[in-house]
C-alpha atoms as a PDB file:
ATOM      1  CA  MET A   1     111.430  49.591  32.887  1.00  0.00           C
ATOM      2  CA  ILE A   2     110.936  52.930  34.666  1.00  0.00           C
ATOM      3  CA  ALA A   3     114.532  53.905  33.873  1.00  0.00           C
ATOM      4  CA  ASP A   4     113.943  53.232  30.180  1.00  0.00           C
ATOM      5  CA  ARG A   5     110.865  55.457  30.187  1.00  0.00           C
ATOM      6  CA  LEU A   6     112.796  58.282  31.864  1.00  0.00           C
ATOM      7  CA  LYS A   7     115.683  58.216  29.388  1.00  0.00           C
ATOM      8  CA  PRO A   8     113.944  60.443  26.798  1.00  0.00           C
ATOM      9  CA  LEU A   9     113.627  63.133  29.502  1.00  0.00           C
ATOM     10  CA  LEU A  10     117.360  63.320  30.193  1.00  0.00           C
ATOM     11  CA  LEU A  11     118.262  65.529  27.230  1.00  0.00           C
ATOM     12  CA  PRO A  12     115.448  68.099  27.769  1.00  0.00           C
ATOM     13  CA  LEU A  13     116.293  68.289  31.476  1.00  0.00           C
ATOM     14  CA  ALA A  14     119.992  68.752  30.713  1.00  0.00           C
ATOM     15  CA  VAL A  15     119.183  71.543  28.258  1.00  0.00           C
ATOM     16  CA  ILE A  16     116.938  73.280  30.820  1.00  0.00           C
ATOM     17  CA  VAL A  17     119.602  73.088  33.512  1.00  0.00           C
ATOM     18  CA  ALA A  18     122.247  74.439  31.121  1.00  0.00           C
ATOM     19  CA  LEU A  19     119.995  77.333  30.041  1.00  0.00           C
ATOM     20  CA  GLU A  20     119.185  78.222  33.647  1.00  0.00           C
ATOM     21  CA  ALA A  21     122.870  78.191  34.572  1.00  0.00           C
ATOM     22  CA  ALA A  22     123.761  80.348  31.570  1.00  0.00           C
ATOM     23  CA  ALA A  23     120.984  82.852  32.358  1.00  0.00           C
ATOM     24  CA  ARG A  24     122.134  83.191  35.953  1.00  0.00           C
ATOM     25  CA  ALA A  25     125.788  83.477  34.928  1.00  0.00           C
ATOM     26  CA  VAL A  26     125.179  86.446  32.624  1.00  0.00           C
ATOM     27  CA  HIS A  27     122.357  87.949  34.758  1.00  0.00           C
ATOM     28  CA  LEU A  28     120.019  87.745  31.795  1.00  0.00           C
ATOM     29  CA  GLN A  29     117.883  90.829  31.194  1.00  0.00           C
ATOM     30  CA  SER A  30     116.165  90.612  27.832  1.00  0.00           C
ATOM     31  CA  ASP A  31     112.941  91.549  26.046  1.00  0.00           C
ATOM     32  CA  SER A  32     113.006  88.326  24.016  1.00  0.00           C
ATOM     33  CA  LEU A  33     114.557  85.688  26.305  1.00  0.00           C
ATOM     34  CA  ALA A  34     113.905  84.463  29.825  1.00  0.00           C
ATOM     35  CA  ALA A  35     115.441  81.964  32.216  1.00  0.00           C
ATOM     36  CA  PRO A  36     113.639  78.632  32.552  1.00  0.00           C
ATOM     37  CA  SER A  37     112.770  79.456  36.176  1.00  0.00           C
ATOM     38  CA  GLN A  38     111.040  82.661  35.038  1.00  0.00           C
ATOM     39  CA  VAL A  39     109.172  80.713  32.362  1.00  0.00           C
ATOM     40  CA  VAL A  40     107.922  78.245  34.974  1.00  0.00           C
ATOM     41  CA  LEU A  41     106.761  81.087  37.262  1.00  0.00           C
ATOM     42  CA  ALA A  42     104.927  82.771  34.383  1.00  0.00           C
ATOM     43  CA  PHE A  43     103.241  79.484  33.543  1.00  0.00           C
ATOM     44  CA  ILE A  44     102.138  78.982  37.166  1.00  0.00           C
ATOM     45  CA  ASP A  45     100.734  82.522  37.298  1.00  0.00           C
ATOM     46  CA  SER A  46      98.706  81.983  34.113  1.00  0.00           C
ATOM     47  CA  VAL A  47      97.330  78.732  35.573  1.00  0.00           C
ATOM     48  CA  ARG A  48      96.384  80.390  38.849  1.00  0.00           C
ATOM     49  CA  ASP A  49      94.482  83.273  37.291  1.00  0.00           C
ATOM     50  CA  GLY A  50      92.693  80.901  34.896  1.00  0.00           C
ATOM     51  CA  GLU A  51      93.759  82.651  31.694  1.00  0.00           C
ATOM     52  CA  LEU A  52      95.730  79.655  30.426  1.00  0.00           C
ATOM     53  CA  TRP A  53      92.638  77.444  30.460  1.00  0.00           C
ATOM     54  CA  ILE A  54      90.588  80.028  28.545  1.00  0.00           C
ATOM     55  CA  TRP A  55      93.288  80.366  25.884  1.00  0.00           C
ATOM     56  CA  THR A  56      93.693  76.603  25.670  1.00  0.00           C
ATOM     57  CA  ARG A  57      89.940  76.067  25.384  1.00  0.00           C
ATOM     58  CA  ASP A  58      89.660  78.558  22.520  1.00  0.00           C
ATOM     59  CA  THR A  59      92.517  76.951  20.601  1.00  0.00           C
ATOM     60  CA  LEU A  60      91.341  73.371  21.154  1.00  0.00           C
ATOM     61  CA  VAL A  61      87.741  74.174  20.168  1.00  0.00           C
ATOM     62  CA  SER A  62      88.940  75.457  16.803  1.00  0.00           C
ATOM     63  CA  THR A  63      91.449  72.617  16.451  1.00  0.00           C
ATOM     64  CA  PHE A  64      89.027  69.770  17.111  1.00  0.00           C
ATOM     65  CA  ALA A  65      86.073  71.285  15.268  1.00  0.00           C
ATOM     66  CA  GLY A  66      88.170  72.027  12.183  1.00  0.00           C
ATOM     67  CA  LEU A  67      89.812  68.602  12.403  1.00  0.00           C
ATOM     68  CA  ALA A  68      86.442  66.839  12.572  1.00  0.00           C
ATOM     69  CA  ILE A  69      85.077  68.686   9.541  1.00  0.00           C
ATOM     70  CA  GLY A  70      88.252  68.446   7.467  1.00  0.00           C
ATOM     71  CA  ALA A  71      88.904  64.804   8.352  1.00  0.00           C
ATOM     72  CA  ALA A  72      85.351  63.813   7.403  1.00  0.00           C
ATOM     73  CA  ILE A  73      85.591  65.560   4.030  1.00  0.00           C
ATOM     74  CA  GLY A  74      89.078  64.204   3.338  1.00  0.00           C
ATOM     75  CA  LEU A  75      88.110  60.663   4.319  1.00  0.00           C
ATOM     76  CA  VAL A  76      85.049  60.588   2.063  1.00  0.00           C
ATOM     77  CA  LEU A  77      86.947  62.060  -0.878  1.00  0.00           C
ATOM     78  CA  GLY A  78      89.911  59.747  -0.293  1.00  0.00           C
ATOM     79  CA  ILE A  79      87.728  56.631  -0.298  1.00  0.00           C
ATOM     80  CA  VAL A  80      85.788  57.732  -3.378  1.00  0.00           C
ATOM     81  CA  LEU A  81      88.923  58.624  -5.335  1.00  0.00           C
ATOM     82  CA  GLY A  82      90.673  55.459  -4.198  1.00  0.00           C
ATOM     83  CA  LEU A  83      87.821  53.350  -5.542  1.00  0.00           C
ATOM     84  CA  SER A  84      87.304  55.287  -8.780  1.00  0.00           C
ATOM     85  CA  LEU A  85      90.442  55.731 -10.848  1.00  0.00           C
ATOM     86  CA  PRO A  86      88.647  57.621 -13.686  1.00  0.00           C
ATOM     87  CA  LEU A  87      87.221  60.129 -11.211  1.00  0.00           C
ATOM     88  CA  ASP A  88      90.622  60.489  -9.576  1.00  0.00           C
ATOM     89  CA  ARG A  89      92.182  61.320 -12.938  1.00  0.00           C
ATOM     90  CA  CYS A  90      89.462  63.878 -13.656  1.00  0.00           C
ATOM     91  CA  LEU A  91      90.055  65.645 -10.338  1.00  0.00           C
ATOM     92  CA  GLU A  92      93.835  65.258 -10.206  1.00  0.00           C
ATOM     93  CA  VAL A  93      94.667  68.687 -11.622  1.00  0.00           C
ATOM     94  CA  THR A  94      92.074  70.403  -9.436  1.00  0.00           C
ATOM     95  CA  ILE A  95      93.239  68.713  -6.243  1.00  0.00           C
ATOM     96  CA  GLU A  96      96.946  69.180  -6.929  1.00  0.00           C
ATOM     97  CA  SER A  97      96.318  72.864  -7.728  1.00  0.00           C
ATOM     98  CA  ILE A  98      94.416  73.551  -4.512  1.00  0.00           C
ATOM     99  CA  ARG A  99      96.382  71.330  -2.120  1.00  0.00           C
ATOM    100  CA  PRO A 100      99.664  73.349  -2.153  1.00  0.00           C
ATOM    101  CA  ILE A 101      97.883  76.583  -1.207  1.00  0.00           C
ATOM    102  CA  PRO A 102      99.043  77.512   2.317  1.00  0.00           C
ATOM    103  CA  SER A 103      96.060  77.540   4.627  1.00  0.00           C
ATOM    104  CA  VAL A 104      97.161  80.871   6.099  1.00  0.00           C
ATOM    105  CA  ALA A 105      96.912  82.392   2.623  1.00  0.00           C
ATOM    106  CA  LEU A 106      93.138  81.962   2.920  1.00  0.00           C
ATOM    107  CA  LEU A 107      92.996  84.368   5.866  1.00  0.00           C
ATOM    108  CA  PRO A 108      91.966  87.435   3.808  1.00  0.00           C
ATOM    109  CA  ILE A 109      89.111  85.489   2.227  1.00  0.00           C
ATOM    110  CA  GLY A 110      88.129  84.000   5.585  1.00  0.00           C
ATOM    111  CA  LEU A 111      88.095  87.399   7.275  1.00  0.00           C
ATOM    112  CA  ILE A 112      85.931  88.920   4.545  1.00  0.00           C
ATOM    113  CA  ALA A 113      83.499  86.009   4.446  1.00  0.00           C
ATOM    114  CA  LEU A 114      83.347  85.014   8.124  1.00  0.00           C
ATOM    115  CA  GLY A 115      84.998  87.759  10.155  1.00  0.00           C
ATOM    116  CA  PHE A 116      86.965  87.216  13.337  1.00  0.00           C
ATOM    117  CA  GLY A 117      86.116  84.373  15.682  1.00  0.00           C
ATOM    118  CA  TYR A 118      85.670  80.642  15.757  1.00  0.00           C
ATOM    119  CA  ARG A 119      83.991  80.231  12.364  1.00  0.00           C
ATOM    120  CA  MET A 120      86.868  81.681  10.370  1.00  0.00           C
ATOM    121  CA  GLU A 121      89.510  79.740  12.296  1.00  0.00           C
ATOM    122  CA  ILE A 122      87.572  76.467  12.099  1.00  0.00           C
ATOM    123  CA  ALA A 123      87.120  76.876   8.338  1.00  0.00           C
ATOM    124  CA  ILE A 124      90.853  77.360   7.757  1.00  0.00           C
ATOM    125  CA  VAL A 125      91.789  74.476  10.067  1.00  0.00           C
ATOM    126  CA  ALA A 126      89.289  72.274   8.222  1.00  0.00           C
ATOM    127  CA  PHE A 127      90.858  73.194   4.879  1.00  0.00           C
ATOM    128  CA  ALA A 128      94.303  72.220   6.149  1.00  0.00           C
ATOM    129  CA  SER A 129      93.016  68.960   7.664  1.00  0.00           C
ATOM    130  CA  ILE A 130      91.444  67.695   4.445  1.00  0.00           C
ATOM    131  CA  TRP A 131      94.629  66.870   2.588  1.00  0.00           C
ATOM    132  CA  PRO A 132      96.394  64.352   4.877  1.00  0.00           C
ATOM    133  CA  LEU A 133      93.192  62.291   5.082  1.00  0.00           C
ATOM    134  CA  LEU A 134      92.461  62.580   1.377  1.00  0.00           C
ATOM    135  CA  ILE A 135      95.930  61.639   0.164  1.00  0.00           C
ATOM    136  CA  LEU A 136      96.611  58.827   2.633  1.00  0.00           C
ATOM    137  CA  ALA A 137      93.061  57.423   2.606  1.00  0.00           C
ATOM    138  CA  ARG A 138      93.192  57.263  -1.177  1.00  0.00           C
ATOM    139  CA  ALA A 139      96.498  55.395  -1.022  1.00  0.00           C
ATOM    140  CA  ALA A 140      95.176  53.102   1.723  1.00  0.00           C
ATOM    141  CA  VAL A 141      92.100  52.178  -0.315  1.00  0.00           C
ATOM    142  CA  ARG A 142      94.222  51.410  -3.355  1.00  0.00           C
ATOM    143  CA  GLY A 143      96.421  49.233  -1.162  1.00  0.00           C
ATOM    144  CA  VAL A 144      93.532  46.995  -0.108  1.00  0.00           C
ATOM    145  CA  GLU A 145      94.143  43.357  -1.065  1.00  0.00           C
ATOM    146  CA  PRO A 146      92.435  42.741  -4.469  1.00  0.00           C
ATOM    147  CA  ARG A 147      91.181  39.364  -3.290  1.00  0.00           C
ATOM    148  CA  LEU A 148      88.961  41.156  -0.782  1.00  0.00           C
ATOM    149  CA  PHE A 149      87.139  42.794  -3.665  1.00  0.00           C
ATOM    150  CA  GLU A 150      86.722  39.376  -5.238  1.00  0.00           C
ATOM    151  CA  VAL A 151      85.116  38.217  -2.004  1.00  0.00           C
ATOM    152  CA  SER A 152      82.846  41.251  -2.126  1.00  0.00           C
ATOM    153  CA  ARG A 153      81.727  40.417  -5.653  1.00  0.00           C
ATOM    154  CA  ALA A 154      81.217  36.764  -4.716  1.00  0.00           C
ATOM    155  CA  LEU A 155      78.987  37.857  -1.840  1.00  0.00           C
ATOM    156  CA  ARG A 156      77.208  40.308  -4.161  1.00  0.00           C
ATOM    157  CA  LEU A 157      77.714  43.224  -1.802  1.00  0.00           C
ATOM    158  CA  GLY A 158      76.458  46.610  -2.896  1.00  0.00           C
ATOM    159  CA  PRO A 159      78.716  49.696  -3.012  1.00  0.00           C
ATOM    160  CA  VAL A 160      77.806  50.878   0.484  1.00  0.00           C
ATOM    161  CA  ALA A 161      78.213  47.406   2.022  1.00  0.00           C
ATOM    162  CA  GLU A 162      81.504  46.899   0.189  1.00  0.00           C
ATOM    163  CA  ILE A 163      82.887  50.153   1.557  1.00  0.00           C
ATOM    164  CA  SER A 164      81.675  49.596   5.120  1.00  0.00           C
ATOM    165  CA  LYS A 165      82.486  45.869   5.383  1.00  0.00           C
ATOM    166  CA  ILE A 166      85.523  45.469   3.126  1.00  0.00           C
ATOM    167  CA  VAL A 167      87.285  48.732   2.269  1.00  0.00           C
ATOM    168  CA  ILE A 168      87.180  50.681   5.532  1.00  0.00           C
ATOM    169  CA  PRO A 169      88.162  47.774   7.858  1.00  0.00           C
ATOM    170  CA  ALA A 170      91.081  46.858   5.579  1.00  0.00           C
ATOM    171  CA  ALA A 171      92.313  50.449   5.190  1.00  0.00           C
ATOM    172  CA  LEU A 172      91.544  51.691   8.715  1.00  0.00           C
ATOM    173  CA  PRO A 173      95.052  51.292  10.248  1.00  0.00           C
ATOM    174  CA  ARG A 174      96.555  53.532   7.550  1.00  0.00           C
ATOM    175  CA  ILE A 175      93.623  55.926   7.750  1.00  0.00           C
ATOM    176  CA  PHE A 176      94.249  56.309  11.471  1.00  0.00           C
ATOM    177  CA  VAL A 177      97.852  57.259  10.742  1.00  0.00           C
ATOM    178  CA  ALA A 178      96.501  59.940   8.406  1.00  0.00           C
ATOM    179  CA  PHE A 179      94.234  61.172  11.194  1.00  0.00           C
ATOM    180  CA  ARG A 180      97.221  61.486  13.533  1.00  0.00           C
ATOM    181  CA  LEU A 181      99.026  63.567  10.942  1.00  0.00           C
ATOM    182  CA  ALA A 182      95.952  65.719  10.362  1.00  0.00           C
ATOM    183  CA  ALA A 183      95.588  66.297  14.126  1.00  0.00           C
ATOM    184  CA  SER A 184      99.071  67.776  14.382  1.00  0.00           C
ATOM    185  CA  VAL A 185      98.457  69.912  11.298  1.00  0.00           C
ATOM    186  CA  ALA A 186      95.174  71.173  12.781  1.00  0.00           C
ATOM    187  CA  LEU A 187      96.856  72.333  15.996  1.00  0.00           C
ATOM    188  CA  ILE A 188      99.666  74.050  14.110  1.00  0.00           C
ATOM    189  CA  VAL A 189      97.278  75.863  11.778  1.00  0.00           C
ATOM    190  CA  ALA A 190      94.954  76.919  14.613  1.00  0.00           C
ATOM    191  CA  VAL A 191      97.815  78.552  16.538  1.00  0.00           C
ATOM    192  CA  THR A 192      99.187  80.131  13.343  1.00  0.00           C
ATOM    193  CA  VAL A 193      95.819  81.682  12.498  1.00  0.00           C
ATOM    194  CA  GLU A 194      95.571  83.066  16.024  1.00  0.00           C
ATOM    195  CA  ILE A 195      99.057  84.548  15.821  1.00  0.00           C
ATOM    196  CA  THR A 196      98.395  86.049  12.403  1.00  0.00           C
ATOM    197  CA  ALA A 197      94.882  87.419  12.629  1.00  0.00           C
ATOM    198  CA  ASN A 198      92.382  85.902  15.051  1.00  0.00           C
ATOM    199  CA  PRO A 199      92.279  87.444  18.559  1.00  0.00           C
ATOM    200  CA  LEU A 200      91.561  84.146  20.264  1.00  0.00           C
ATOM    201  CA  GLY A 201      93.428  81.345  21.966  1.00  0.00           C
ATOM    202  CA  LEU A 202      97.052  80.598  22.656  1.00  0.00           C
ATOM    203  CA  GLY A 203      98.371  82.222  19.472  1.00  0.00           C
ATOM    204  CA  ALA A 204      96.800  85.576  20.317  1.00  0.00           C
ATOM    205  CA  ALA A 205      98.089  85.250  23.884  1.00  0.00           C
ATOM    206  CA  ILE A 206     101.621  84.766  22.551  1.00  0.00           C
ATOM    207  CA  MET A 207     101.331  87.977  20.520  1.00  0.00           C
ATOM    208  CA  THR A 208      99.931  89.853  23.516  1.00  0.00           C
ATOM    209  CA  ALA A 209     102.847  88.669  25.648  1.00  0.00           C
ATOM    210  CA  GLN A 210     105.275  89.763  22.946  1.00  0.00           C
ATOM    211  CA  HIS A 211     103.759  93.257  22.752  1.00  0.00           C
ATOM    212  CA  ALA A 212     103.824  93.502  26.547  1.00  0.00           C
ATOM    213  CA  LEU A 213     107.539  92.551  26.554  1.00  0.00           C
ATOM    214  CA  ARG A 214     106.804  89.385  28.557  1.00  0.00           C
ATOM    215  CA  PRO A 215     109.251  86.837  27.127  1.00  0.00           C
ATOM    216  CA  ASP A 216     108.690  84.598  30.153  1.00  0.00           C
ATOM    217  CA  LEU A 217     104.963  84.228  29.405  1.00  0.00           C
ATOM    218  CA  MET A 218     105.569  84.013  25.666  1.00  0.00           C
ATOM    219  CA  LEU A 219     108.020  81.127  26.089  1.00  0.00           C
ATOM    220  CA  ALA A 220     105.751  79.453  28.660  1.00  0.00           C
ATOM    221  CA  LEU A 221     102.920  79.437  26.121  1.00  0.00           C
ATOM    222  CA  LEU A 222     105.212  78.029  23.429  1.00  0.00           C
ATOM    223  CA  VAL A 223     106.225  75.193  25.739  1.00  0.00           C
ATOM    224  CA  TRP A 224     102.573  74.589  26.645  1.00  0.00           C
ATOM    225  CA  ILE A 225     101.604  74.309  22.969  1.00  0.00           C
ATOM    226  CA  GLY A 226     104.379  71.779  22.486  1.00  0.00           C
ATOM    227  CA  LEU A 227     103.115  69.773  25.459  1.00  0.00           C
ATOM    228  CA  LEU A 228      99.574  69.858  24.091  1.00  0.00           C
ATOM    229  CA  GLY A 229     100.783  68.511  20.753  1.00  0.00           C
ATOM    230  CA  PHE A 230     102.814  65.825  22.480  1.00  0.00           C
ATOM    231  CA  ALA A 231      99.864  64.783  24.668  1.00  0.00           C
ATOM    232  CA  LEU A 232      97.537  64.652  21.665  1.00  0.00           C
ATOM    233  CA  ASN A 233      99.943  62.412  19.785  1.00  0.00           C
ATOM    234  CA  VAL A 234     100.408  60.113  22.798  1.00  0.00           C
ATOM    235  CA  VAL A 235      96.641  59.700  23.151  1.00  0.00           C
ATOM    236  CA  LEU A 236      96.238  58.889  19.458  1.00  0.00           C
ATOM    237  CA  VAL A 237      99.187  56.464  19.453  1.00  0.00           C
ATOM    238  CA  GLN A 238      97.738  54.595  22.429  1.00  0.00           C
ATOM    239  CA  ALA A 239      94.322  54.519  20.776  1.00  0.00           C
ATOM    240  CA  GLN A 240      95.894  53.170  17.596  1.00  0.00           C
ATOM    241  CA  ARG A 241      97.685  50.398  19.472  1.00  0.00           C
ATOM    242  CA  ARG A 242      94.562  49.405  21.379  1.00  0.00           C
ATOM    243  CA  LEU A 243      92.373  49.422  18.279  1.00  0.00           C
ATOM    244  CA  PHE A 244      94.684  47.639  15.875  1.00  0.00           C
ATOM    245  CA  GLY A 245      97.157  45.703  18.020  1.00  0.00           C
ATOM    246  CA  PRO A 246     100.133  44.351  16.016  1.00  0.00           C
ATOM    247  CA  ALA A 247      98.816  46.012  12.861  1.00  0.00           C
ATOM    248  CA  ALA A 248      99.460  49.402  14.463  1.00  0.00           C
ATOM    249  CA  SER A 249     103.223  48.759  14.616  1.00  0.00           C
ATOM    250  CA  ALA A 250     103.376  48.084  10.884  1.00  0.00           C
ATOM    251  CA  GLU A 251     101.504  51.277  10.093  1.00  0.00           C
ATOM    252  CA  MET A 252     103.157  53.519  12.690  1.00  0.00           C
ATOM    253  CA  ALA A 253     104.572  56.402  10.691  1.00  0.00           C
ATOM    254  CA  PRO A 254     104.420  59.977  11.963  1.00  0.00           C
END
């Protein structure tokens, strides 16, 4: 069992060993690359002086706050549009015109309206987080077994009771998959905004390391962001399995 769990680590470890050997063989001296051992040392230094935790905190605050706002908006809109086909048709052109807009393209507007800082970054992350929840929640609601609605009518449930007792429980496994997708999008957008414009968090730290010609720190931060995304997905996958049991396997997508 332990051996099976360690198998996915074999390829990354082999790549790291090969890169370290290659760097030592050519005596690597570069402004854009660093040996894995140098990356590890840079990571340890950033942990010791506490800067890594400050950068991580700033990025995660924007990620989770934007995700919460965007997911709530997307979920409500997805449920409403999934239940009302006429309303969905009325808003189809509007939604499909706004949805393809890259979230980073809103940076000039965000900077003018909100300035630098958390508010601007959270707003852009929220915008990006809306669409996975909206699209997949709408599809999940439409995929609810029609007989459940017949039960709702037989019990004479009102709209609110129907949504809370019939629609959401039936669609929740798929909605949770949408939330997992939105979580990864939120982290990506938060770091991108920081790299592009906002002097906060891990993205800004990457740019600072680049300008200081510190490829070791820059690569260490990139690896750390990847580990954060991996850890977030693991937590959500475990939560999904605990909440939904066998149903989680059928809905496991991203």
